[in-house]
Protein backbone atom coordinates (compact mmCIF):
# COMPACT_ATOMS: atom_id res chain seq x y z
CA UNK A 1 25.06 -70.96 56.38
CA UNK A 2 26.71 -69.30 53.39
CA UNK A 3 29.97 -70.85 52.28
CA UNK A 4 33.14 -69.14 53.46
CA UNK A 5 31.70 -67.95 56.75
CA UNK A 6 32.85 -69.21 60.10
CA UNK A 7 30.63 -70.32 62.88
CA UNK A 8 30.79 -67.92 65.85
CA UNK A 9 32.26 -69.41 68.95
CA UNK A 10 29.83 -69.90 71.77
CA UNK A 11 30.86 -70.65 75.29
CA UNK A 12 29.81 -73.63 77.29
CA UNK A 13 26.95 -71.66 78.85
CA UNK A 14 25.55 -70.81 75.40
CA UNK A 15 26.58 -67.11 75.49
CA UNK A 16 29.09 -65.12 73.47
CA UNK A 17 32.58 -64.91 74.98
CA UNK A 18 33.57 -61.75 76.94
CA UNK A 19 35.14 -58.88 74.97
CA UNK A 20 38.83 -58.97 74.38
CA UNK A 21 41.20 -56.99 76.61
CA UNK A 22 42.10 -54.44 73.89
CA UNK A 23 38.43 -53.42 73.54
CA UNK A 24 38.06 -53.01 77.32
CA UNK A 25 41.25 -50.92 77.51
CA UNK A 26 39.97 -48.66 74.78
CA UNK A 27 36.79 -47.98 76.73
CA UNK A 28 38.79 -47.15 79.85
CA UNK A 29 41.00 -44.79 77.89
CA UNK A 30 37.95 -43.19 76.30
CA UNK A 31 36.36 -42.56 79.69
CA UNK A 32 39.60 -41.11 81.04
CA UNK A 33 39.95 -38.90 77.98
CA UNK A 34 36.39 -37.62 78.28
CA UNK A 35 36.88 -36.89 81.98
CA UNK A 36 40.11 -35.01 81.27
CA UNK A 37 38.41 -33.09 78.46
CA UNK A 38 35.53 -32.06 80.74
CA UNK A 39 37.92 -30.90 83.48
CA UNK A 40 40.06 -29.01 80.96
CA UNK A 41 36.97 -27.36 79.50
CA UNK A 42 35.84 -26.32 83.00
CA UNK A 43 39.24 -24.75 83.68
CA UNK A 44 39.13 -23.03 80.31
CA UNK A 45 35.68 -21.58 80.99
CA UNK A 46 36.75 -20.39 84.45
CA UNK A 47 40.06 -18.83 83.40
CA UNK A 48 39.93 -17.64 79.81
CA UNK A 49 36.91 -15.28 79.99
CA UNK A 50 38.36 -13.62 83.10
CA UNK A 51 41.76 -13.32 81.40
CA UNK A 52 40.21 -11.75 78.31
CA UNK A 53 38.26 -9.36 80.55
CA UNK A 54 41.53 -8.36 82.23
CA UNK A 55 43.20 -8.03 78.83
CA UNK A 56 40.48 -5.58 77.84
CA UNK A 57 40.81 -3.36 80.93
CA UNK A 58 44.53 -3.63 81.78
CA UNK A 59 46.45 -0.40 81.28
CA UNK A 60 50.04 -1.66 81.65
CA UNK A 61 51.99 -3.95 79.35
CA UNK A 62 52.73 -6.21 82.31
CA UNK A 63 49.04 -6.65 82.98
CA UNK A 64 48.24 -7.36 79.34
CA UNK A 65 51.10 -9.86 79.02
CA UNK A 66 49.97 -11.69 82.17
CA UNK A 67 46.35 -11.82 81.00
CA UNK A 68 47.27 -13.11 77.53
CA UNK A 69 49.76 -15.63 78.95
CA UNK A 70 47.18 -17.07 81.35
CA UNK A 71 44.56 -17.29 78.57
CA UNK A 72 46.94 -19.12 76.21
CA UNK A 73 48.15 -21.49 78.95
CA UNK A 74 44.57 -22.39 79.84
CA UNK A 75 43.85 -22.95 76.16
CA UNK A 76 46.84 -25.28 75.88
CA UNK A 77 45.57 -27.24 78.87
CA UNK A 78 42.15 -27.59 77.26
CA UNK A 79 43.65 -28.71 73.92
CA UNK A 80 45.78 -31.48 75.42
CA UNK A 81 43.05 -34.14 75.84
CA UNK A 82 41.49 -33.08 72.53
CA UNK A 83 44.78 -33.61 70.70
CA UNK A 84 45.23 -37.00 72.35
CA UNK A 85 41.73 -38.12 71.36
CA UNK A 86 42.04 -36.95 67.76
CA UNK A 87 45.33 -38.82 67.33
CA UNK A 88 43.27 -41.95 66.62
CA UNK A 89 41.92 -42.89 63.21
CA UNK A 90 40.04 -41.54 61.32
CA UNK A 91 40.84 -38.12 62.86
CA UNK A 92 44.63 -38.14 62.64
CA UNK A 93 44.73 -35.05 60.41
CA UNK A 94 42.68 -33.12 62.95
CA UNK A 95 44.89 -34.51 65.69
CA UNK A 96 47.98 -33.06 64.05
CA UNK A 97 46.32 -29.63 63.85
CA UNK A 98 45.26 -29.84 67.49
CA UNK A 99 48.79 -30.75 68.55
CA UNK A 100 50.22 -27.78 66.65
CA UNK A 101 47.69 -25.45 68.27
CA UNK A 102 48.48 -26.95 71.67
CA UNK A 103 52.23 -26.47 71.18
CA UNK A 104 51.86 -22.90 69.96
CA UNK A 105 49.55 -21.93 72.84
CA UNK A 106 51.84 -23.52 75.39
CA UNK A 107 55.00 -21.93 73.98
CA UNK A 108 53.59 -18.40 73.69
CA UNK A 109 51.92 -18.62 77.10
CA UNK A 110 55.17 -19.76 78.71
CA UNK A 111 57.11 -16.92 77.08
CA UNK A 112 54.59 -14.38 78.39
CA UNK A 113 54.35 -15.81 81.91
CA UNK A 114 57.96 -16.81 82.61
CA UNK A 115 59.27 -13.25 83.24
CA UNK A 116 56.42 -12.33 85.61
CA UNK A 117 58.08 -13.47 88.88
CA UNK A 118 61.30 -11.68 87.95
CA UNK A 119 59.44 -8.46 87.07
CA UNK A 120 57.42 -8.43 90.31
CA UNK A 121 58.13 -5.42 92.55
CA UNK A 122 60.80 -5.97 95.16
CA UNK A 123 58.84 -4.28 97.94
CA UNK A 124 61.58 -1.72 98.55
CA UNK A 125 61.42 2.00 97.97
CA UNK A 126 62.70 5.39 99.00
CA UNK A 127 65.27 7.86 97.76
CA UNK A 128 67.83 10.26 99.18
CA UNK A 129 65.19 12.28 101.03
CA UNK A 130 62.54 9.72 101.84
CA UNK A 131 62.44 6.27 103.41
CA UNK A 132 59.59 4.14 102.03
CA UNK A 133 59.34 0.64 103.44
CA UNK A 134 57.11 -2.28 104.34
CA UNK A 135 57.32 -3.18 108.02
CA UNK A 136 55.72 -5.85 110.18
CA UNK A 137 54.97 -6.07 113.88
CA UNK A 138 55.01 -9.88 113.72
CA UNK A 139 58.47 -11.49 113.53
CA UNK A 140 58.97 -13.54 110.41
CA UNK A 141 56.25 -11.86 108.33
CA UNK A 142 57.33 -10.98 104.79
CA UNK A 143 56.24 -8.89 101.85
CA UNK A 144 54.23 -11.12 99.42
CA UNK A 145 56.31 -10.42 96.34
CA UNK A 146 55.12 -13.36 94.23
CA UNK A 147 51.42 -13.11 95.09
CA UNK A 148 49.03 -12.48 92.22
CA UNK A 149 48.45 -8.98 93.61
CA UNK A 150 52.11 -8.21 92.83
CA UNK A 151 52.43 -10.18 89.60
CA UNK A 152 49.52 -8.08 88.30
CA UNK A 153 50.14 -4.33 88.80
CA UNK A 154 47.77 -2.73 91.27
CA UNK A 155 46.63 -0.15 88.73
CA UNK A 156 45.36 -2.98 86.50
CA UNK A 157 43.52 -4.49 89.45
CA UNK A 158 41.75 -1.17 90.03
CA UNK A 159 41.02 -0.65 86.34
CA UNK A 160 39.48 -4.11 85.98
CA UNK A 161 37.73 -3.94 89.34
CA UNK A 162 35.70 -0.83 88.59
CA UNK A 163 33.39 -2.53 86.04
CA UNK A 164 32.83 -5.33 88.55
CA UNK A 165 32.03 -2.79 91.26
CA UNK A 166 29.10 -1.58 89.18
CA UNK A 167 27.44 -4.95 89.73
CA UNK A 168 28.20 -5.06 93.47
CA UNK A 169 27.96 -1.44 94.63
CA UNK A 170 24.59 0.30 94.58
CA UNK A 171 26.34 3.70 94.53
CA UNK A 172 28.38 2.83 91.45
CA UNK A 173 27.14 3.57 87.95
CA UNK A 174 28.93 4.03 84.65
CA UNK A 175 29.56 7.74 85.13
CA UNK A 176 30.87 7.23 88.67
CA UNK A 177 33.16 4.40 87.55
CA UNK A 178 34.61 6.58 84.79
CA UNK A 179 35.17 9.42 87.26
CA UNK A 180 37.00 7.18 89.72
CA UNK A 181 39.09 5.75 86.92
CA UNK A 182 39.99 9.28 85.87
CA UNK A 183 41.05 10.10 89.45
CA UNK A 184 43.06 6.95 90.19
CA UNK A 185 44.90 6.21 86.96
CA UNK A 186 46.83 9.51 86.62
CA UNK A 187 48.09 9.18 90.19
CA UNK A 188 49.20 5.60 89.51
CA UNK A 189 51.09 6.82 86.43
CA UNK A 190 52.86 9.49 88.50
CA UNK A 191 53.66 6.88 91.13
CA UNK A 192 55.21 4.57 88.52
CA UNK A 193 57.57 7.38 87.50
CA UNK A 194 58.66 8.16 91.07
CA UNK A 195 61.83 6.21 91.99
CA UNK A 196 60.83 6.22 95.65
CA UNK A 197 57.63 4.26 94.95
CA UNK A 198 58.32 2.43 91.69
CA UNK A 199 59.22 -0.86 93.38
CA UNK A 200 57.14 -0.67 96.53
CA UNK A 201 54.50 -3.10 95.27
CA UNK A 202 51.09 -3.93 96.71
CA UNK A 203 49.59 -5.67 99.73
CA UNK A 204 46.11 -6.06 98.24
CA UNK A 205 46.46 -9.84 98.48
CA UNK A 206 45.45 -9.57 102.15
CA UNK A 207 42.39 -7.48 101.29
CA UNK A 208 41.32 -10.15 98.81
CA UNK A 209 41.80 -12.83 101.46
CA UNK A 210 39.81 -10.89 104.04
CA UNK A 211 36.85 -10.09 101.78
CA UNK A 212 35.43 -13.66 101.89
CA UNK A 213 36.54 -14.13 105.49
CA UNK A 214 39.87 -15.94 105.14
CA UNK A 215 42.81 -15.17 107.49
CA UNK A 216 45.06 -12.30 106.44
CA UNK A 217 48.26 -10.64 107.61
CA UNK A 218 47.41 -8.09 110.32
CA UNK A 219 50.94 -7.04 111.24
CA UNK A 220 51.82 -5.05 108.11
CA UNK A 221 52.21 -1.30 107.81
CA UNK A 222 53.77 1.00 105.25
CA UNK A 223 56.15 3.66 106.55
CA UNK A 224 56.97 6.92 104.73
CA UNK A 225 59.59 8.67 106.83
CA UNK A 226 61.80 11.71 106.03
CA UNK A 227 65.53 10.97 106.02
CA UNK A 228 66.77 14.52 106.49
CA UNK A 229 66.38 17.22 109.05
CA UNK A 230 66.90 15.18 112.19
CA UNK A 231 63.87 13.93 114.07
CA UNK A 232 60.49 14.14 112.33
CA UNK A 233 58.33 17.07 113.30
CA UNK A 234 55.29 14.84 113.78
CA UNK A 235 53.81 11.46 112.91
CA UNK A 236 50.52 10.72 111.16
CA UNK A 237 48.82 7.37 111.75
CA UNK A 238 46.62 6.87 108.67
CA UNK A 239 43.72 4.39 108.57
CA UNK A 240 42.69 3.36 105.06
CA UNK A 241 39.11 2.89 103.92
CA UNK A 242 37.15 0.02 102.43
CA UNK A 243 38.67 -2.39 99.90
CA UNK A 244 42.17 -2.32 101.38
CA UNK A 245 45.40 -0.41 101.85
CA UNK A 246 46.05 0.73 98.29
CA UNK A 247 49.61 1.79 97.55
CA UNK A 248 48.20 4.88 95.87
CA UNK A 249 47.30 6.17 99.36
CA UNK A 250 50.92 5.89 100.47
CA UNK A 251 52.08 7.82 97.43
CA UNK A 252 49.36 10.46 97.83
CA UNK A 253 50.44 11.09 101.44
CA UNK A 254 54.16 11.28 100.63
CA UNK A 255 54.19 15.12 100.24
CA UNK A 256 53.48 15.39 103.97
CA UNK A 257 56.81 13.66 104.59
CA UNK A 258 58.77 15.37 101.81
CA UNK A 259 57.63 18.93 102.32
CA UNK A 260 56.48 19.06 105.95
CA UNK A 261 58.59 16.52 107.83
CA UNK A 262 55.60 14.43 108.91
CA UNK A 263 56.24 10.69 109.07
CA UNK A 264 53.27 8.72 107.73
CA UNK A 265 52.43 5.28 109.12
CA UNK A 266 49.79 3.30 107.19
CA UNK A 267 48.71 0.08 108.93
CA UNK A 268 46.72 -2.41 106.90
CA UNK A 269 43.64 -4.23 108.14
CA UNK A 270 42.49 -6.47 105.33
CA UNK A 271 39.40 -5.13 103.57
CA UNK A 272 39.24 -2.14 105.92
CA UNK A 273 36.56 -3.21 108.41
CA UNK A 274 38.24 -1.44 111.33
CA UNK A 275 35.20 -1.85 113.58
CA UNK A 276 35.87 -5.58 113.87
CA UNK A 277 37.83 -7.14 116.76
CA UNK A 278 41.58 -6.34 116.79
CA UNK A 279 41.17 -3.32 114.55
CA UNK A 280 42.21 -0.87 117.27
CA UNK A 281 45.00 -3.15 118.48
CA UNK A 282 46.38 -3.56 114.95
CA UNK A 283 46.64 0.19 114.40
CA UNK A 284 48.20 0.90 117.78
CA UNK A 285 50.71 -1.94 117.43
CA UNK A 286 51.86 -0.46 114.12
CA UNK A 287 52.26 2.96 115.73
CA UNK A 288 54.28 1.68 118.67
CA UNK A 289 56.50 -0.43 116.42
CA UNK A 290 57.11 2.49 114.06
CA UNK A 291 58.00 4.83 116.93
CA UNK A 292 60.68 2.37 118.07
CA UNK A 293 61.90 1.40 114.63
CA UNK A 294 62.20 4.93 113.19
CA UNK A 295 62.83 6.91 116.42
CA UNK A 296 59.58 8.88 116.12
CA UNK A 297 58.38 11.15 118.91
CA UNK A 298 55.43 9.37 120.56
CA UNK A 299 54.19 12.67 121.98
CA UNK A 300 53.60 14.26 118.56
CA UNK A 301 51.29 11.81 116.85
CA UNK A 302 48.19 12.66 114.84
CA UNK A 303 45.49 10.23 113.77
CA UNK A 304 43.92 10.43 110.30
CA UNK A 305 41.15 8.35 108.79
CA UNK A 306 39.78 8.02 105.27
CA UNK A 307 36.24 6.77 104.65
CA UNK A 308 35.70 3.51 106.58
CA UNK A 309 38.86 4.24 108.56
CA UNK A 310 36.68 6.64 110.55
CA UNK A 311 35.12 3.65 112.29
CA UNK A 312 38.55 2.72 113.58
CA UNK A 313 39.55 6.29 114.43
CA UNK A 314 36.58 6.94 116.73
CA UNK A 315 37.19 3.65 118.52
CA UNK A 316 40.88 4.45 118.95
CA UNK A 317 40.05 7.87 120.38
CA UNK A 318 37.69 6.31 122.94
CA UNK A 319 40.15 3.52 123.85
CA UNK A 320 43.25 5.74 124.04
CA UNK A 321 42.24 9.19 125.31
CA UNK A 322 45.07 11.68 125.34
CA UNK A 323 47.25 9.62 123.01
CA UNK A 324 46.97 11.87 119.94
CA UNK A 325 47.60 15.53 119.27
CA UNK A 326 44.64 15.63 116.92
CA UNK A 327 42.37 13.64 114.61
CA UNK A 328 41.76 14.34 110.91
CA UNK A 329 38.60 12.84 109.39
CA UNK A 330 38.54 12.78 105.57
CA UNK A 331 35.20 11.69 104.08
CA UNK A 332 35.05 9.56 107.21
CA UNK A 333 32.40 7.06 108.22
CA UNK A 334 31.32 7.86 111.79
CA UNK A 335 29.11 5.81 114.10
CA UNK A 336 27.12 7.11 117.01
CA UNK A 337 28.11 4.48 119.57
CA UNK A 338 31.92 4.96 119.46
CA UNK A 339 31.53 8.75 119.26
CA UNK A 340 29.37 8.72 122.39
CA UNK A 341 31.79 6.33 124.07
CA UNK A 342 34.52 8.91 123.49
CA UNK A 343 32.32 11.56 125.06
CA UNK A 344 31.73 9.34 128.10
CA UNK A 345 35.46 8.71 128.44
CA UNK A 346 36.23 12.41 128.15
CA UNK A 347 38.38 11.53 125.15
CA UNK A 348 37.06 14.35 122.94
CA UNK A 349 37.58 17.09 125.51
CA UNK A 350 40.16 19.53 124.18
CA UNK A 351 41.05 17.23 121.26
CA UNK A 352 41.67 19.08 117.96
CA UNK A 353 39.54 17.52 115.20
CA UNK A 354 39.84 18.41 111.51
CA UNK A 355 36.87 17.40 109.35
CA UNK A 356 37.16 17.46 105.54
CA UNK A 357 34.08 16.37 103.60
CA UNK A 358 32.36 16.73 100.25
CA UNK A 359 28.91 18.27 100.09
CA UNK A 360 27.87 15.80 97.36
CA UNK A 361 29.07 12.68 99.18
CA UNK A 362 26.23 10.19 98.74
CA UNK A 363 28.08 7.33 100.42
CA UNK A 364 28.62 9.24 103.66
CA UNK A 365 26.15 12.16 103.49
CA UNK A 366 27.43 15.32 105.13
CA UNK A 367 24.29 16.01 107.25
CA UNK A 368 24.74 12.66 109.04
CA UNK A 369 28.44 13.31 109.57
CA UNK A 370 27.74 16.83 110.79
CA UNK A 371 25.38 15.49 113.45
CA UNK A 372 27.99 13.10 114.85
CA UNK A 373 30.73 15.73 114.66
CA UNK A 374 28.38 17.92 116.69
CA UNK A 375 28.29 15.24 119.39
CA UNK A 376 32.09 15.25 119.55
CA UNK A 377 32.05 19.04 119.74
CA UNK A 378 29.55 18.87 122.58
CA UNK A 379 31.96 16.49 124.29
CA UNK A 380 34.66 19.17 124.21
CA UNK A 381 36.36 18.57 120.85
CA UNK A 382 37.95 21.58 119.16
CA UNK A 383 36.53 21.09 115.67
CA UNK A 384 37.76 22.69 112.46
CA UNK A 385 35.80 21.70 109.39
CA UNK A 386 35.70 22.39 105.69
CA UNK A 387 33.00 21.18 103.35
CA UNK A 388 34.03 21.13 99.68
CA UNK A 389 31.09 22.18 97.48
CA UNK A 390 30.15 19.65 94.82
CA UNK A 391 32.77 17.07 95.84
CA UNK A 392 31.82 13.45 96.42
CA UNK A 393 33.29 10.63 98.50
CA UNK A 394 36.58 10.65 96.59
CA UNK A 395 37.59 14.07 97.82
CA UNK A 396 40.98 12.75 98.97
CA UNK A 397 42.12 12.33 95.36
CA UNK A 398 40.01 14.91 93.54
CA UNK A 399 41.26 17.71 95.84
CA UNK A 400 44.48 16.07 96.95
CA UNK A 401 46.64 19.20 97.09
CA UNK A 402 44.07 21.16 99.09
CA UNK A 403 43.44 18.26 101.46
CA UNK A 404 47.15 17.73 102.17
CA UNK A 405 47.77 21.46 102.54
CA UNK A 406 44.94 21.76 105.04
CA UNK A 407 46.16 18.74 107.02
CA UNK A 408 49.76 20.04 107.04
CA UNK A 409 48.80 23.53 108.25
CA UNK A 410 46.47 22.13 110.90
CA UNK A 411 49.11 19.68 112.17
CA UNK A 412 51.79 22.40 112.25
CA UNK A 413 49.57 24.58 114.41
CA UNK A 414 48.52 21.81 116.78
CA UNK A 415 51.85 20.02 117.27
CA UNK A 416 53.33 23.00 119.11
CA UNK A 417 50.23 23.68 121.20
CA UNK A 418 50.19 22.50 124.82
CA UNK A 419 48.55 19.17 125.44
CA UNK A 420 45.02 19.50 126.78
CA UNK A 421 44.45 21.56 129.88
CA UNK A 422 44.21 20.00 133.33
CA UNK A 423 41.12 18.20 134.39
CA UNK A 424 39.96 16.73 131.08
CA UNK A 425 40.90 13.14 130.20
CA UNK A 426 43.50 12.63 132.90
CA UNK A 427 41.24 11.35 135.69
CA UNK A 428 40.18 8.44 133.50
CA UNK A 429 43.79 7.70 132.56
CA UNK A 430 44.95 7.80 136.18
CA UNK A 431 42.03 5.64 137.27
CA UNK A 432 43.04 3.00 134.73
CA UNK A 433 46.74 3.21 135.51
CA UNK A 434 46.43 2.99 139.31
CA UNK A 435 43.18 1.09 139.78
CA UNK A 436 41.72 3.73 142.12
CA UNK A 437 38.32 5.39 142.42
CA UNK A 438 37.43 8.10 139.91
CA UNK A 439 37.10 10.81 142.58
CA UNK A 440 40.64 10.10 143.79
CA UNK A 441 41.91 10.20 140.22
CA UNK A 442 40.15 13.51 139.62
CA UNK A 443 41.63 15.03 142.79
CA UNK A 444 45.08 13.81 141.76
CA UNK A 445 44.70 15.31 138.27
CA UNK A 446 43.86 18.68 139.80
CA UNK A 447 47.08 18.91 141.77
CA UNK A 448 47.94 15.73 143.58
CA UNK A 449 47.22 14.56 147.09
CA UNK A 450 46.82 11.40 149.12
CA UNK A 451 44.63 8.72 147.62
CA UNK A 452 41.92 7.42 149.93
CA UNK A 453 41.25 4.21 147.98
CA UNK A 454 43.60 1.31 147.66
CA UNK A 455 45.06 0.34 144.34
CA UNK A 456 44.51 -3.04 142.69
CA UNK A 457 45.58 -6.06 144.67
CA UNK A 458 44.78 -4.56 148.09
CA UNK A 459 48.03 -2.61 148.44
CA UNK A 460 48.10 0.33 150.86
CA UNK A 461 46.96 3.77 149.67
CA UNK A 462 49.55 5.73 147.74
CA UNK A 463 50.61 9.33 147.69
CA UNK A 464 51.26 10.15 144.05
CA UNK A 465 52.98 13.16 142.55
CA UNK A 466 52.50 13.92 138.86
CA UNK A 467 55.34 15.70 137.13
CA UNK A 468 55.15 17.25 133.69
CA UNK A 469 57.66 18.24 131.08
CA UNK A 470 57.36 21.86 129.96
CA UNK A 471 54.85 22.25 127.16
CA UNK A 472 53.53 18.71 127.25
CA UNK A 473 51.37 18.60 130.36
CA UNK A 474 50.87 15.75 132.78
CA UNK A 475 50.99 12.24 131.44
CA UNK A 476 50.49 8.88 133.16
CA UNK A 477 53.80 7.78 131.64
CA UNK A 478 55.56 10.32 133.90
CA UNK A 479 54.11 9.30 137.28
CA UNK A 480 56.29 8.66 140.30
CA UNK A 481 54.67 6.69 143.11
CA UNK A 482 55.67 7.09 146.75
CA UNK A 483 54.44 4.93 149.64
CA UNK A 484 52.41 6.91 152.12
């Protein structure tokens, strides 16, 4: 053995002694650091590309600030374990640079993100002539002010969502996406300048929850109600289409309230799949709540549906015959089964129906819609229709003034007309209300008389007189029952 060297210590079993505690601690710290670095890198890869994508497509300074703040904060998170690892020799110089980058990213990100909750819309709106409000049929429900859908302006969500839609929607190509962007963004800019809608915010958070099947708030509706001129002349229950209840729809419908005295009630139903269970109940609950809350006349209510809202409208007509003064279908999706159910129920008989559609609509082709509208007409519906040459599925925004003008004139003509003539839907309504045979209900609807069948529960037959207010016609809400 060379001089000056020490003999290594060997344990009693002939092996080298176990490593010292400092070496073991270093390995544990190294594993923890690597794990933290991997997790931070995963977060960075999940967040930063999406934030940069949003930064590219955002059109408001709020959206850009939020996107940049999130990207920098995620970068700071990813740099933290790197800076800690490089603090050791021989990488201390690199560690100092990493710490500076981490501090700068964290500071700038915090400055950009900190104001976001304070700049979120309050959820209130309206002006001297118009009441614009969020309302809920469920006690305790609240407007989601601090949700991501309100921290990020809705216009930025739409602008960034259109490129994604090209990958998910077979009807969407580059030209179509640019056209939709050109239709939506100017209306959003006008909305941002309108004091009545500037702070109303968005409820798209519930559409995003519903899309993958998570629970969402079903009790919300937006109300646009005139403040002046006494009672409203009429009420329009509006069912939104696919992708959710965009605030741009509320703003687009506001001229009906401002210029024509028509209160507009816009219930939300998640992603807009109104054909699912509770779709009809959600819409009707919003209507009944709004009539009580805003003192609206329940006898002068129109139903309107946009796109996929047509699936809900036809089901509502079949389930509630005689409830509406008329139905407006705008680029509406119609299905044969609920339309035929309405025919069976007598719900279409005498019902005014306004159909507005684009001849170039490739999502809901007009020939298919025309066939189903023909079934409603055969069931007694009084159909008025206008097909806009060359217009596609986004007729509601591309021809907004013409659409609203047509709806307003049609509603003005129909709201003063007598409710449907005797002998149409009333037998079915009376049969449901009293639990009697259909022939007895039909005889009663034609002028009254003794009922031969007993009502539900085995009670004795009833003699029923139906009274009607002038100009409104008989209604099951106005029945007086007298024991025979």
